[in-house]
């Protein structure tokens, strides 16, 4: 009798522990009202794929076997995706700015020699970084100035401080329209710095945080960025202020083995997607790719996949020890899956 009672207690304890186990992050993502778009390299071609935000049901959104698309950016209203297209090989390549509906229709080219586009908060304009010199170079900071393309009129307007903006990459608007965050490499008086650029003025604020590729949350209260090759960070920031400052990181994502880059906020700010994989210098024998650091646009990155974590946790998430409740792997083929961005499910037809 005693053994039967003890066994029942043990079973009850196990059941209690199992019931208390946190839900896997991938399961939580299934219930969220958005999808994921990202670049990938399939059949010797760069394409843009869209999937459920847990990574299931991936669909080739572009389906262009002779055109190389990458760097997808979803408009704030979820109706459109802008992206870059490379045509040609080596130094003769031309990188252009394109836009299409979120279902892949009505695609059109906007301008040539344009890099790393980003949306205005009202979804009516596209910012972009003009190429530094006419001859192509894959280096991400090969830019000079900043411009805006008006989707209704086709008019291109330079930023009011464009002459002072040099060697920027990975720009993004704050959702209040006040600031543009970007990383500068070997320009603007800095060797490497994350700047806030006044969107309609000339003020420049060096946030004095180490790393690159900043991304601003939709509530204007947080910034995420790559603080090192093996680390992503999240900090508080008041983007409604006239002098924003980033706090010490409240969340850090680390991977001692693989590189992790390209962090991006979900629309509700509750999740972060990012890319990660082994360090490499690309494989220029593959069509439409270049040799450089594997995280750069247009560089083939074997073994790279898309991951997600919750942004609501504080402290450190070590990807080598994190459980399924902390991290979700959203792609698994390692086919140079990079540059994730989120979009509403309704716009994606999901």
C-alpha atoms as a PDB file:
ATOM      1  CA  UNK A   1       0.000   0.000   0.000  1.00  0.00           C
ATOM      2  CA  UNK A   2       2.797   2.377   0.966  1.00  0.00           C
ATOM      3  CA  UNK A   3       4.582   1.765  -2.351  1.00  0.00           C
ATOM      4  CA  UNK A   4       1.338   2.371  -4.260  1.00  0.00           C
ATOM      5  CA  UNK A   5       0.785   5.675  -2.456  1.00  0.00           C
ATOM      6  CA  UNK A   6       4.407   6.709  -3.031  1.00  0.00           C
ATOM      7  CA  UNK A   7       4.163   5.848  -6.745  1.00  0.00           C
ATOM      8  CA  UNK A   8       0.961   7.908  -7.007  1.00  0.00           C
ATOM      9  CA  UNK A   9       2.690  10.852  -5.324  1.00  0.00           C
ATOM     10  CA  UNK A  10       5.630  10.568  -7.741  1.00  0.00           C
ATOM     11  CA  UNK A  11       3.273  10.455 -10.736  1.00  0.00           C
ATOM     12  CA  UNK A  12       1.379  13.461  -9.408  1.00  0.00           C
ATOM     13  CA  UNK A  13       4.656  15.333  -8.971  1.00  0.00           C
ATOM     14  CA  UNK A  14       5.753  14.535 -12.512  1.00  0.00           C
ATOM     15  CA  UNK A  15       2.406  15.638 -13.884  1.00  0.00           C
ATOM     16  CA  UNK A  16       2.666  18.882 -11.917  1.00  0.00           C
ATOM     17  CA  UNK A  17       6.183  19.539 -13.198  1.00  0.00           C
ATOM     18  CA  UNK A  18       5.147  18.848 -16.776  1.00  0.00           C
ATOM     19  CA  UNK A  19       2.165  21.147 -16.500  1.00  0.00           C
ATOM     20  CA  UNK A  20       4.465  23.897 -15.242  1.00  0.00           C
ATOM     21  CA  UNK A  21       6.940  23.496 -18.137  1.00  0.00           C
ATOM     22  CA  UNK A  22       7.057  26.713 -20.225  1.00  0.00           C
ATOM     23  CA  UNK A  23       5.428  26.494 -23.619  1.00  0.00           C
ATOM     24  CA  UNK A  24       7.910  26.198 -26.516  1.00  0.00           C
ATOM     25  CA  UNK A  25       8.503  29.537 -28.186  1.00  0.00           C
ATOM     26  CA  UNK A  26       7.599  28.130 -31.605  1.00  0.00           C
ATOM     27  CA  UNK A  27       4.169  27.186 -30.256  1.00  0.00           C
ATOM     28  CA  UNK A  28       3.632  30.684 -28.890  1.00  0.00           C
ATOM     29  CA  UNK A  29       4.643  32.195 -32.220  1.00  0.00           C
ATOM     30  CA  UNK A  30       1.949  30.178 -34.010  1.00  0.00           C
ATOM     31  CA  UNK A  31      -0.730  32.197 -32.265  1.00  0.00           C
ATOM     32  CA  UNK A  32       0.708  35.612 -33.183  1.00  0.00           C
ATOM     33  CA  UNK A  33      -0.915  37.624 -36.014  1.00  0.00           C
ATOM     34  CA  UNK A  34       2.143  38.111 -38.201  1.00  0.00           C
ATOM     35  CA  UNK A  35       4.380  36.294 -40.675  1.00  0.00           C
ATOM     36  CA  UNK A  36       8.062  36.416 -41.566  1.00  0.00           C
ATOM     37  CA  UNK A  37       9.860  37.408 -44.767  1.00  0.00           C
ATOM     38  CA  UNK A  38      13.572  36.837 -45.370  1.00  0.00           C
ATOM     39  CA  UNK A  39      16.189  36.364 -48.068  1.00  0.00           C
ATOM     40  CA  UNK A  40      17.540  32.949 -48.993  1.00  0.00           C
ATOM     41  CA  UNK A  41      19.708  31.366 -51.696  1.00  0.00           C
ATOM     42  CA  UNK A  42      18.085  28.490 -53.597  1.00  0.00           C
ATOM     43  CA  UNK A  43      18.924  26.923 -56.968  1.00  0.00           C
ATOM     44  CA  UNK A  44      21.808  29.350 -57.583  1.00  0.00           C
ATOM     45  CA  UNK A  45      19.581  32.355 -57.019  1.00  0.00           C
ATOM     46  CA  UNK A  46      18.703  34.856 -54.295  1.00  0.00           C
ATOM     47  CA  UNK A  47      14.974  34.883 -53.542  1.00  0.00           C
ATOM     48  CA  UNK A  48      12.642  36.327 -50.923  1.00  0.00           C
ATOM     49  CA  UNK A  49      10.653  33.773 -48.940  1.00  0.00           C
ATOM     50  CA  UNK A  50       7.686  34.243 -46.651  1.00  0.00           C
ATOM     51  CA  UNK A  51       6.613  31.840 -43.921  1.00  0.00           C
ATOM     52  CA  UNK A  52       4.429  31.591 -40.877  1.00  0.00           C
ATOM     53  CA  UNK A  53       6.179  33.351 -38.039  1.00  0.00           C
ATOM     54  CA  UNK A  54       7.138  30.010 -36.504  1.00  0.00           C
ATOM     55  CA  UNK A  55       8.958  29.192 -39.767  1.00  0.00           C
ATOM     56  CA  UNK A  56       6.413  26.723 -41.125  1.00  0.00           C
ATOM     57  CA  UNK A  57       4.906  26.766 -44.641  1.00  0.00           C
ATOM     58  CA  UNK A  58       7.699  28.713 -46.416  1.00  0.00           C
ATOM     59  CA  UNK A  59       6.739  30.126 -49.821  1.00  0.00           C
ATOM     60  CA  UNK A  60       8.957  31.610 -52.520  1.00  0.00           C
ATOM     61  CA  UNK A  61       7.531  35.113 -52.825  1.00  0.00           C
ATOM     62  CA  UNK A  62       9.606  36.304 -55.786  1.00  0.00           C
ATOM     63  CA  UNK A  63      10.132  33.219 -58.019  1.00  0.00           C
ATOM     64  CA  UNK A  64      12.656  34.863 -60.330  1.00  0.00           C
ATOM     65  CA  UNK A  65      15.326  32.305 -61.311  1.00  0.00           C
ATOM     66  CA  UNK A  66      17.467  34.881 -63.162  1.00  0.00           C
ATOM     67  CA  UNK A  67      17.046  37.881 -60.809  1.00  0.00           C
ATOM     68  CA  UNK A  68      18.723  38.225 -57.403  1.00  0.00           C
ATOM     69  CA  UNK A  69      16.540  39.776 -54.671  1.00  0.00           C
ATOM     70  CA  UNK A  70      17.532  40.426 -51.073  1.00  0.00           C
ATOM     71  CA  UNK A  71      17.162  42.736 -48.048  1.00  0.00           C
ATOM     72  CA  UNK A  72      13.326  42.674 -47.704  1.00  0.00           C
ATOM     73  CA  UNK A  73      11.745  45.469 -45.658  1.00  0.00           C
ATOM     74  CA  UNK A  74       7.991  45.439 -44.938  1.00  0.00           C
ATOM     75  CA  UNK A  75       6.121  48.761 -44.902  1.00  0.00           C
ATOM     76  CA  UNK A  76       4.657  49.783 -41.517  1.00  0.00           C
ATOM     77  CA  UNK A  77       1.114  49.390 -42.882  1.00  0.00           C
ATOM     78  CA  UNK A  78       1.973  45.873 -44.083  1.00  0.00           C
ATOM     79  CA  UNK A  79       0.876  46.444 -47.684  1.00  0.00           C
ATOM     80  CA  UNK A  80       4.268  46.528 -49.436  1.00  0.00           C
ATOM     81  CA  UNK A  81       7.787  45.138 -49.358  1.00  0.00           C
ATOM     82  CA  UNK A  82      10.810  47.007 -50.606  1.00  0.00           C
ATOM     83  CA  UNK A  83      13.975  45.129 -51.469  1.00  0.00           C
ATOM     84  CA  UNK A  84      17.208  45.325 -53.440  1.00  0.00           C
ATOM     85  CA  UNK A  85      18.001  43.600 -56.725  1.00  0.00           C
ATOM     86  CA  UNK A  86      21.467  42.819 -58.099  1.00  0.00           C
ATOM     87  CA  UNK A  87      21.996  42.520 -61.830  1.00  0.00           C
ATOM     88  CA  UNK A  88      25.398  41.690 -63.284  1.00  0.00           C
ATOM     89  CA  UNK A  89      28.498  40.191 -61.742  1.00  0.00           C
ATOM     90  CA  UNK A  90      31.523  41.573 -59.886  1.00  0.00           C
ATOM     91  CA  UNK A  91      32.356  45.278 -60.149  1.00  0.00           C
ATOM     92  CA  UNK A  92      29.900  45.590 -63.032  1.00  0.00           C
ATOM     93  CA  UNK A  93      26.917  44.661 -60.890  1.00  0.00           C
ATOM     94  CA  UNK A  94      24.126  47.207 -60.373  1.00  0.00           C
ATOM     95  CA  UNK A  95      22.158  47.183 -57.113  1.00  0.00           C
ATOM     96  CA  UNK A  96      18.687  48.707 -57.489  1.00  0.00           C
ATOM     97  CA  UNK A  97      15.787  49.624 -55.221  1.00  0.00           C
ATOM     98  CA  UNK A  98      12.477  47.849 -55.914  1.00  0.00           C
ATOM     99  CA  UNK A  99       9.043  47.662 -54.302  1.00  0.00           C
ATOM    100  CA  UNK A 100       6.123  45.209 -54.591  1.00  0.00           C
ATOM    101  CA  UNK A 101       2.846  44.401 -52.904  1.00  0.00           C
ATOM    102  CA  UNK A 102       3.130  42.153 -49.872  1.00  0.00           C
ATOM    103  CA  UNK A 103       1.819  39.194 -51.915  1.00  0.00           C
ATOM    104  CA  UNK A 104       4.614  39.630 -54.480  1.00  0.00           C
ATOM    105  CA  UNK A 105       2.519  41.420 -57.119  1.00  0.00           C
ATOM    106  CA  UNK A 106       2.978  44.794 -58.829  1.00  0.00           C
ATOM    107  CA  UNK A 107       6.740  44.827 -58.504  1.00  0.00           C
ATOM    108  CA  UNK A 108       8.598  47.788 -59.953  1.00  0.00           C
ATOM    109  CA  UNK A 109      12.055  49.289 -59.968  1.00  0.00           C
ATOM    110  CA  UNK A 110      12.428  52.714 -58.375  1.00  0.00           C
ATOM    111  CA  UNK A 111      16.085  53.676 -58.862  1.00  0.00           C
ATOM    112  CA  UNK A 112      19.563  52.256 -59.523  1.00  0.00           C
ATOM    113  CA  UNK A 113      22.722  52.327 -57.393  1.00  0.00           C
ATOM    114  CA  UNK A 114      20.617  52.417 -54.218  1.00  0.00           C
ATOM    115  CA  UNK A 115      21.304  50.492 -51.031  1.00  0.00           C
ATOM    116  CA  UNK A 116      19.549  49.271 -47.886  1.00  0.00           C
ATOM    117  CA  UNK A 117      16.092  50.869 -48.169  1.00  0.00           C
ATOM    118  CA  UNK A 118      13.952  51.762 -45.147  1.00  0.00           C
ATOM    119  CA  UNK A 119      10.339  52.896 -44.769  1.00  0.00           C
ATOM    120  CA  UNK A 120       8.974  56.153 -43.444  1.00  0.00           C
ATOM    121  CA  UNK A 121       6.427  55.586 -40.642  1.00  0.00           C
ATOM    122  CA  UNK A 122       3.510  56.559 -42.920  1.00  0.00           C
ATOM    123  CA  UNK A 123       4.570  53.998 -45.585  1.00  0.00           C
ATOM    124  CA  UNK A 124       4.576  56.732 -48.245  1.00  0.00           C
ATOM    125  CA  UNK A 125       8.322  57.219 -48.684  1.00  0.00           C
ATOM    126  CA  UNK A 126      11.356  54.998 -48.947  1.00  0.00           C
ATOM    127  CA  UNK A 127      14.683  56.127 -47.619  1.00  0.00           C
ATOM    128  CA  UNK A 128      17.788  54.690 -49.230  1.00  0.00           C
ATOM    129  CA  UNK A 129      21.566  55.145 -49.314  1.00  0.00           C
ATOM    130  CA  UNK A 130      23.097  56.132 -52.666  1.00  0.00           C
ATOM    131  CA  UNK A 131      26.132  54.129 -53.732  1.00  0.00           C
ATOM    132  CA  UNK A 132      29.441  55.886 -53.044  1.00  0.00           C
ATOM    133  CA  UNK A 133      30.962  55.494 -56.543  1.00  0.00           C
ATOM    134  CA  UNK A 134      29.568  54.291 -59.903  1.00  0.00           C
ATOM    135  CA  UNK A 135      31.530  51.013 -59.834  1.00  0.00           C
ATOM    136  CA  UNK A 136      29.949  48.384 -57.573  1.00  0.00           C
ATOM    137  CA  UNK A 137      31.495  47.221 -54.318  1.00  0.00           C
ATOM    138  CA  UNK A 138      29.752  44.728 -52.041  1.00  0.00           C
ATOM    139  CA  UNK A 139      31.050  46.343 -48.819  1.00  0.00           C
ATOM    140  CA  UNK A 140      27.979  47.418 -46.844  1.00  0.00           C
ATOM    141  CA  UNK A 141      29.248  50.919 -45.981  1.00  0.00           C
ATOM    142  CA  UNK A 142      29.987  51.784 -49.638  1.00  0.00           C
ATOM    143  CA  UNK A 143      27.500  54.683 -49.439  1.00  0.00           C
ATOM    144  CA  UNK A 144      27.456  58.465 -49.533  1.00  0.00           C
ATOM    145  CA  UNK A 145      24.472  60.601 -48.531  1.00  0.00           C
ATOM    146  CA  UNK A 146      20.836  59.682 -47.924  1.00  0.00           C
ATOM    147  CA  UNK A 147      17.760  60.155 -50.089  1.00  0.00           C
ATOM    148  CA  UNK A 148      13.977  59.611 -49.991  1.00  0.00           C
ATOM    149  CA  UNK A 149      11.773  58.275 -52.770  1.00  0.00           C
ATOM    150  CA  UNK A 150       8.134  59.425 -52.779  1.00  0.00           C
ATOM    151  CA  UNK A 151       6.026  56.473 -53.918  1.00  0.00           C
ATOM    152  CA  UNK A 152       3.154  58.659 -55.154  1.00  0.00           C
ATOM    153  CA  UNK A 153       5.187  61.102 -57.253  1.00  0.00           C
ATOM    154  CA  UNK A 154       8.468  59.297 -57.947  1.00  0.00           C
ATOM    155  CA  UNK A 155      10.359  62.376 -56.750  1.00  0.00           C
ATOM    156  CA  UNK A 156      13.703  61.741 -55.021  1.00  0.00           C
ATOM    157  CA  UNK A 157      14.636  64.233 -52.290  1.00  0.00           C
ATOM    158  CA  UNK A 158      17.986  64.326 -50.472  1.00  0.00           C
ATOM    159  CA  UNK A 159      18.120  64.316 -46.688  1.00  0.00           C
ATOM    160  CA  UNK A 160      18.687  67.900 -45.401  1.00  0.00           C
ATOM    161  CA  UNK A 161      22.078  66.825 -44.035  1.00  0.00           C
ATOM    162  CA  UNK A 162      23.003  64.506 -46.901  1.00  0.00           C
ATOM    163  CA  UNK A 163      26.414  66.074 -47.525  1.00  0.00           C
ATOM    164  CA  UNK A 164      27.532  65.113 -44.004  1.00  0.00           C
ATOM    165  CA  UNK A 165      26.280  61.506 -44.186  1.00  0.00           C
ATOM    166  CA  UNK A 166      28.994  59.103 -45.275  1.00  0.00           C
ATOM    167  CA  UNK A 167      29.626  55.355 -45.031  1.00  0.00           C
ATOM    168  CA  UNK A 168      26.275  54.547 -43.420  1.00  0.00           C
ATOM    169  CA  UNK A 169      24.437  51.251 -43.577  1.00  0.00           C
ATOM    170  CA  UNK A 170      21.403  49.510 -42.060  1.00  0.00           C
ATOM    171  CA  UNK A 171      19.217  52.618 -41.515  1.00  0.00           C
ATOM    172  CA  UNK A 172      15.764  52.510 -39.916  1.00  0.00           C
ATOM    173  CA  UNK A 173      13.161  55.127 -38.953  1.00  0.00           C
ATOM    174  CA  UNK A 174      11.777  55.593 -35.475  1.00  0.00           C
ATOM    175  CA  UNK A 175       8.003  55.244 -35.647  1.00  0.00           C
ATOM    176  CA  UNK A 176       7.465  58.798 -34.427  1.00  0.00           C
ATOM    177  CA  UNK A 177       9.299  59.987 -37.555  1.00  0.00           C
ATOM    178  CA  UNK A 178      11.816  61.929 -35.510  1.00  0.00           C
ATOM    179  CA  UNK A 179      15.002  59.876 -35.878  1.00  0.00           C
ATOM    180  CA  UNK A 180      16.813  57.555 -38.258  1.00  0.00           C
ATOM    181  CA  UNK A 181      19.189  55.045 -36.679  1.00  0.00           C
ATOM    182  CA  UNK A 182      22.164  53.826 -38.718  1.00  0.00           C
ATOM    183  CA  UNK A 183      25.676  52.501 -38.325  1.00  0.00           C
ATOM    184  CA  UNK A 184      28.640  54.441 -39.708  1.00  0.00           C
ATOM    185  CA  UNK A 185      31.936  52.765 -40.594  1.00  0.00           C
ATOM    186  CA  UNK A 186      35.020  54.888 -41.289  1.00  0.00           C
ATOM    187  CA  UNK A 187      33.186  58.145 -41.888  1.00  0.00           C
ATOM    188  CA  UNK A 188      31.628  61.190 -40.229  1.00  0.00           C
ATOM    189  CA  UNK A 189      34.631  61.540 -37.933  1.00  0.00           C
ATOM    190  CA  UNK A 190      34.237  58.043 -36.456  1.00  0.00           C
ATOM    191  CA  UNK A 191      35.864  54.691 -37.062  1.00  0.00           C
ATOM    192  CA  UNK A 192      32.670  52.855 -36.098  1.00  0.00           C
ATOM    193  CA  UNK A 193      29.583  54.340 -34.468  1.00  0.00           C
ATOM    194  CA  UNK A 194      25.810  53.920 -34.195  1.00  0.00           C
ATOM    195  CA  UNK A 195      24.149  57.276 -34.875  1.00  0.00           C
ATOM    196  CA  UNK A 196      20.705  58.754 -34.470  1.00  0.00           C
ATOM    197  CA  UNK A 197      20.173  61.092 -37.416  1.00  0.00           C
ATOM    198  CA  UNK A 198      17.531  63.777 -37.141  1.00  0.00           C
ATOM    199  CA  UNK A 199      15.026  62.878 -39.881  1.00  0.00           C
ATOM    200  CA  UNK A 200      14.157  66.456 -40.827  1.00  0.00           C
ATOM    201  CA  UNK A 201      17.195  68.335 -39.581  1.00  0.00           C
ATOM    202  CA  UNK A 202      20.939  68.241 -39.127  1.00  0.00           C
ATOM    203  CA  UNK A 203      21.366  66.909 -35.574  1.00  0.00           C
ATOM    204  CA  UNK A 204      23.566  63.822 -35.197  1.00  0.00           C
ATOM    205  CA  UNK A 205      23.754  61.849 -31.940  1.00  0.00           C
ATOM    206  CA  UNK A 206      26.452  59.234 -31.410  1.00  0.00           C
ATOM    207  CA  UNK A 207      24.817  56.701 -29.090  1.00  0.00           C
ATOM    208  CA  UNK A 208      28.249  55.449 -28.014  1.00  0.00           C
ATOM    209  CA  UNK A 209      27.222  51.809 -28.001  1.00  0.00           C
ATOM    210  CA  UNK A 210      29.556  49.229 -29.550  1.00  0.00           C
ATOM    211  CA  UNK A 211      28.484  47.213 -32.571  1.00  0.00           C
ATOM    212  CA  UNK A 212      26.367  47.644 -35.677  1.00  0.00           C
ATOM    213  CA  UNK A 213      22.987  47.289 -37.446  1.00  0.00           C
ATOM    214  CA  UNK A 214      20.592  49.060 -35.053  1.00  0.00           C
ATOM    215  CA  UNK A 215      16.849  48.357 -35.160  1.00  0.00           C
ATOM    216  CA  UNK A 216      14.260  50.517 -33.363  1.00  0.00           C
ATOM    217  CA  UNK A 217      11.091  49.143 -31.764  1.00  0.00           C
ATOM    218  CA  UNK A 218       7.680  50.400 -32.864  1.00  0.00           C
ATOM    219  CA  UNK A 219       6.881  51.905 -29.458  1.00  0.00           C
ATOM    220  CA  UNK A 220       9.931  54.251 -29.634  1.00  0.00           C
ATOM    221  CA  UNK A 221      11.231  52.820 -26.351  1.00  0.00           C
ATOM    222  CA  UNK A 222      13.844  50.214 -27.292  1.00  0.00           C
ATOM    223  CA  UNK A 223      16.821  49.640 -29.553  1.00  0.00           C
ATOM    224  CA  UNK A 224      18.308  46.309 -30.607  1.00  0.00           C
ATOM    225  CA  UNK A 225      21.641  45.881 -32.360  1.00  0.00           C
ATOM    226  CA  UNK A 226      24.572  43.568 -32.965  1.00  0.00           C
ATOM    227  CA  UNK A 227      26.975  44.409 -30.151  1.00  0.00           C
ATOM    228  CA  UNK A 228      29.590  41.903 -31.392  1.00  0.00           C
ATOM    229  CA  UNK A 229      29.909  39.108 -33.951  1.00  0.00           C
ATOM    230  CA  UNK A 230      28.626  36.630 -31.363  1.00  0.00           C
ATOM    231  CA  UNK A 231      26.253  38.891 -29.427  1.00  0.00           C
ATOM    232  CA  UNK A 232      23.026  40.849 -29.901  1.00  0.00           C
ATOM    233  CA  UNK A 233      21.856  43.438 -27.381  1.00  0.00           C
ATOM    234  CA  UNK A 234      18.629  45.203 -26.412  1.00  0.00           C
ATOM    235  CA  UNK A 235      18.480  48.450 -24.449  1.00  0.00           C
ATOM    236  CA  UNK A 236      15.925  51.059 -23.408  1.00  0.00           C
ATOM    237  CA  UNK A 237      15.877  54.395 -25.229  1.00  0.00           C
ATOM    238  CA  UNK A 238      13.448  57.325 -25.281  1.00  0.00           C
ATOM    239  CA  UNK A 239      13.075  58.237 -28.951  1.00  0.00           C
ATOM    240  CA  UNK A 240      10.547  60.959 -28.116  1.00  0.00           C
ATOM    241  CA  UNK A 241      13.365  62.858 -26.415  1.00  0.00           C
ATOM    242  CA  UNK A 242      15.437  65.552 -28.137  1.00  0.00           C
ATOM    243  CA  UNK A 243      18.584  63.895 -26.752  1.00  0.00           C
ATOM    244  CA  UNK A 244      17.988  60.117 -26.693  1.00  0.00           C
ATOM    245  CA  UNK A 245      20.436  57.929 -24.813  1.00  0.00           C
ATOM    246  CA  UNK A 246      20.626  54.150 -24.745  1.00  0.00           C
ATOM    247  CA  UNK A 247      20.623  52.430 -21.360  1.00  0.00           C
ATOM    248  CA  UNK A 248      22.856  49.537 -20.466  1.00  0.00           C
ATOM    249  CA  UNK A 249      21.674  46.369 -22.245  1.00  0.00           C
ATOM    250  CA  UNK A 250      18.735  44.727 -20.508  1.00  0.00           C
ATOM    251  CA  UNK A 251      18.858  41.638 -22.742  1.00  0.00           C
ATOM    252  CA  UNK A 252      21.785  40.012 -24.507  1.00  0.00           C
ATOM    253  CA  UNK A 253      21.669  37.064 -26.908  1.00  0.00           C
ATOM    254  CA  UNK A 254      24.943  35.183 -27.205  1.00  0.00           C
ATOM    255  CA  UNK A 255      26.399  32.405 -29.319  1.00  0.00           C
ATOM    256  CA  UNK A 256      30.040  31.551 -28.613  1.00  0.00           C
ATOM    257  CA  UNK A 257      30.330  29.461 -31.787  1.00  0.00           C
ATOM    258  CA  UNK A 258      28.239  31.063 -34.550  1.00  0.00           C
ATOM    259  CA  UNK A 259      27.917  34.622 -35.768  1.00  0.00           C
ATOM    260  CA  UNK A 260      24.540  36.260 -35.032  1.00  0.00           C
ATOM    261  CA  UNK A 261      23.316  39.326 -36.931  1.00  0.00           C
ATOM    262  CA  UNK A 262      20.334  41.165 -38.514  1.00  0.00           C
ATOM    263  CA  UNK A 263      18.130  41.541 -35.441  1.00  0.00           C
ATOM    264  CA  UNK A 264      14.561  42.722 -36.063  1.00  0.00           C
ATOM    265  CA  UNK A 265      11.545  43.526 -33.855  1.00  0.00           C
ATOM    266  CA  UNK A 266       8.147  41.926 -34.276  1.00  0.00           C
ATOM    267  CA  UNK A 267       5.371  44.526 -34.851  1.00  0.00           C
ATOM    268  CA  UNK A 268       4.183  44.244 -31.244  1.00  0.00           C
ATOM    269  CA  UNK A 269       7.713  44.369 -29.823  1.00  0.00           C
ATOM    270  CA  UNK A 270       7.379  41.052 -28.001  1.00  0.00           C
ATOM    271  CA  UNK A 271       9.784  39.044 -30.163  1.00  0.00           C
ATOM    272  CA  UNK A 272      13.084  39.414 -31.961  1.00  0.00           C
ATOM    273  CA  UNK A 273      14.140  37.572 -35.107  1.00  0.00           C
ATOM    274  CA  UNK A 274      17.751  37.332 -36.242  1.00  0.00           C
ATOM    275  CA  UNK A 275      20.133  35.448 -38.537  1.00  0.00           C
ATOM    276  CA  UNK A 276      22.991  33.230 -37.491  1.00  0.00           C
ATOM    277  CA  UNK A 277      25.535  30.731 -38.716  1.00  0.00           C
ATOM    278  CA  UNK A 278      29.227  29.903 -39.166  1.00  0.00           C
ATOM    279  CA  UNK A 279      31.769  32.598 -40.004  1.00  0.00           C
ATOM    280  CA  UNK A 280      32.814  32.586 -43.662  1.00  0.00           C
ATOM    281  CA  UNK A 281      33.808  34.851 -46.536  1.00  0.00           C
ATOM    282  CA  UNK A 282      31.200  33.692 -49.040  1.00  0.00           C
ATOM    283  CA  UNK A 283      31.603  31.641 -52.196  1.00  0.00           C
ATOM    284  CA  UNK A 284      32.038  33.803 -55.322  1.00  0.00           C
ATOM    285  CA  UNK A 285      31.646  30.739 -57.574  1.00  0.00           C
ATOM    286  CA  UNK A 286      27.917  30.943 -56.843  1.00  0.00           C
ATOM    287  CA  UNK A 287      25.956  33.143 -59.247  1.00  0.00           C
ATOM    288  CA  UNK A 288      24.958  36.565 -57.986  1.00  0.00           C
ATOM    289  CA  UNK A 289      27.156  36.409 -54.879  1.00  0.00           C
ATOM    290  CA  UNK A 290      30.331  38.136 -53.756  1.00  0.00           C
ATOM    291  CA  UNK A 291      33.310  37.435 -51.536  1.00  0.00           C
ATOM    292  CA  UNK A 292      33.283  39.345 -48.258  1.00  0.00           C
ATOM    293  CA  UNK A 293      32.082  38.956 -44.667  1.00  0.00           C
ATOM    294  CA  UNK A 294      29.203  36.468 -44.605  1.00  0.00           C
ATOM    295  CA  UNK A 295      26.736  38.856 -42.931  1.00  0.00           C
ATOM    296  CA  UNK A 296      26.882  41.384 -45.804  1.00  0.00           C
ATOM    297  CA  UNK A 297      24.058  41.649 -48.356  1.00  0.00           C
ATOM    298  CA  UNK A 298      24.846  39.580 -51.460  1.00  0.00           C
ATOM    299  CA  UNK A 299      27.410  37.336 -49.753  1.00  0.00           C
ATOM    300  CA  UNK A 300      26.539  33.644 -49.618  1.00  0.00           C
ATOM    301  CA  UNK A 301      26.486  32.403 -46.010  1.00  0.00           C
ATOM    302  CA  UNK A 302      26.367  28.583 -45.817  1.00  0.00           C
ATOM    303  CA  UNK A 303      24.758  27.212 -42.676  1.00  0.00           C
ATOM    304  CA  UNK A 304      22.883  30.420 -41.836  1.00  0.00           C
ATOM    305  CA  UNK A 305      19.312  30.223 -40.520  1.00  0.00           C
ATOM    306  CA  UNK A 306      16.658  32.444 -38.932  1.00  0.00           C
ATOM    307  CA  UNK A 307      15.911  32.302 -35.198  1.00  0.00           C
ATOM    308  CA  UNK A 308      13.563  34.059 -32.766  1.00  0.00           C
ATOM    309  CA  UNK A 309      13.586  34.839 -29.059  1.00  0.00           C
ATOM    310  CA  UNK A 310      11.259  36.684 -26.714  1.00  0.00           C
ATOM    311  CA  UNK A 311      12.241  40.306 -26.095  1.00  0.00           C
ATOM    312  CA  UNK A 312      10.407  40.303 -22.775  1.00  0.00           C
ATOM    313  CA  UNK A 313      13.104  38.393 -20.929  1.00  0.00           C
ATOM    314  CA  UNK A 314      15.912  40.275 -19.150  1.00  0.00           C
ATOM    315  CA  UNK A 315      19.461  39.001 -18.734  1.00  0.00           C
ATOM    316  CA  UNK A 316      21.345  36.663 -21.073  1.00  0.00           C
ATOM    317  CA  UNK A 317      20.068  34.079 -23.531  1.00  0.00           C
ATOM    318  CA  UNK A 318      22.896  31.679 -24.374  1.00  0.00           C
ATOM    319  CA  UNK A 319      21.878  29.996 -27.618  1.00  0.00           C
ATOM    320  CA  UNK A 320      24.040  26.962 -26.883  1.00  0.00           C
ATOM    321  CA  UNK A 321      22.167  26.151 -23.688  1.00  0.00           C
ATOM    322  CA  UNK A 322      18.783  27.821 -24.236  1.00  0.00           C
ATOM    323  CA  UNK A 323      15.722  25.610 -24.194  1.00  0.00           C
ATOM    324  CA  UNK A 324      12.817  25.493 -26.622  1.00  0.00           C
ATOM    325  CA  UNK A 325      10.967  27.946 -24.411  1.00  0.00           C
ATOM    326  CA  UNK A 326      13.683  30.579 -25.008  1.00  0.00           C
ATOM    327  CA  UNK A 327      14.640  30.228 -28.676  1.00  0.00           C
ATOM    328  CA  UNK A 328      12.925  28.964 -31.833  1.00  0.00           C
ATOM    329  CA  UNK A 329      14.763  27.976 -35.005  1.00  0.00           C
ATOM    330  CA  UNK A 330      12.567  29.229 -37.846  1.00  0.00           C
ATOM    331  CA  UNK A 331      14.514  27.826 -40.826  1.00  0.00           C
ATOM    332  CA  UNK A 332      16.659  24.719 -40.924  1.00  0.00           C
ATOM    333  CA  UNK A 333      18.137  24.266 -44.406  1.00  0.00           C
ATOM    334  CA  UNK A 334      21.126  26.565 -43.798  1.00  0.00           C
ATOM    335  CA  UNK A 335      20.726  28.084 -47.260  1.00  0.00           C
ATOM    336  CA  UNK A 336      22.010  31.589 -46.485  1.00  0.00           C
ATOM    337  CA  UNK A 337      18.800  32.587 -44.713  1.00  0.00           C
ATOM    338  CA  UNK A 338      19.324  36.200 -43.623  1.00  0.00           C
ATOM    339  CA  UNK A 339      17.719  39.612 -43.061  1.00  0.00           C
ATOM    340  CA  UNK A 340      14.365  38.616 -41.451  1.00  0.00           C
ATOM    341  CA  UNK A 341      11.479  41.070 -41.219  1.00  0.00           C
ATOM    342  CA  UNK A 342       7.937  40.644 -39.862  1.00  0.00           C
ATOM    343  CA  UNK A 343       4.622  41.466 -41.501  1.00  0.00           C
ATOM    344  CA  UNK A 344       0.906  41.138 -40.671  1.00  0.00           C
ATOM    345  CA  UNK A 345      -0.534  37.719 -41.554  1.00  0.00           C
ATOM    346  CA  UNK A 346      -3.490  39.276 -43.344  1.00  0.00           C
ATOM    347  CA  UNK A 347      -1.187  41.186 -45.667  1.00  0.00           C
ATOM    348  CA  UNK A 348       0.783  38.020 -46.314  1.00  0.00           C
ATOM    349  CA  UNK A 349      -2.342  36.011 -47.074  1.00  0.00           C
ATOM    350  CA  UNK A 350      -1.419  33.616 -44.260  1.00  0.00           C
END
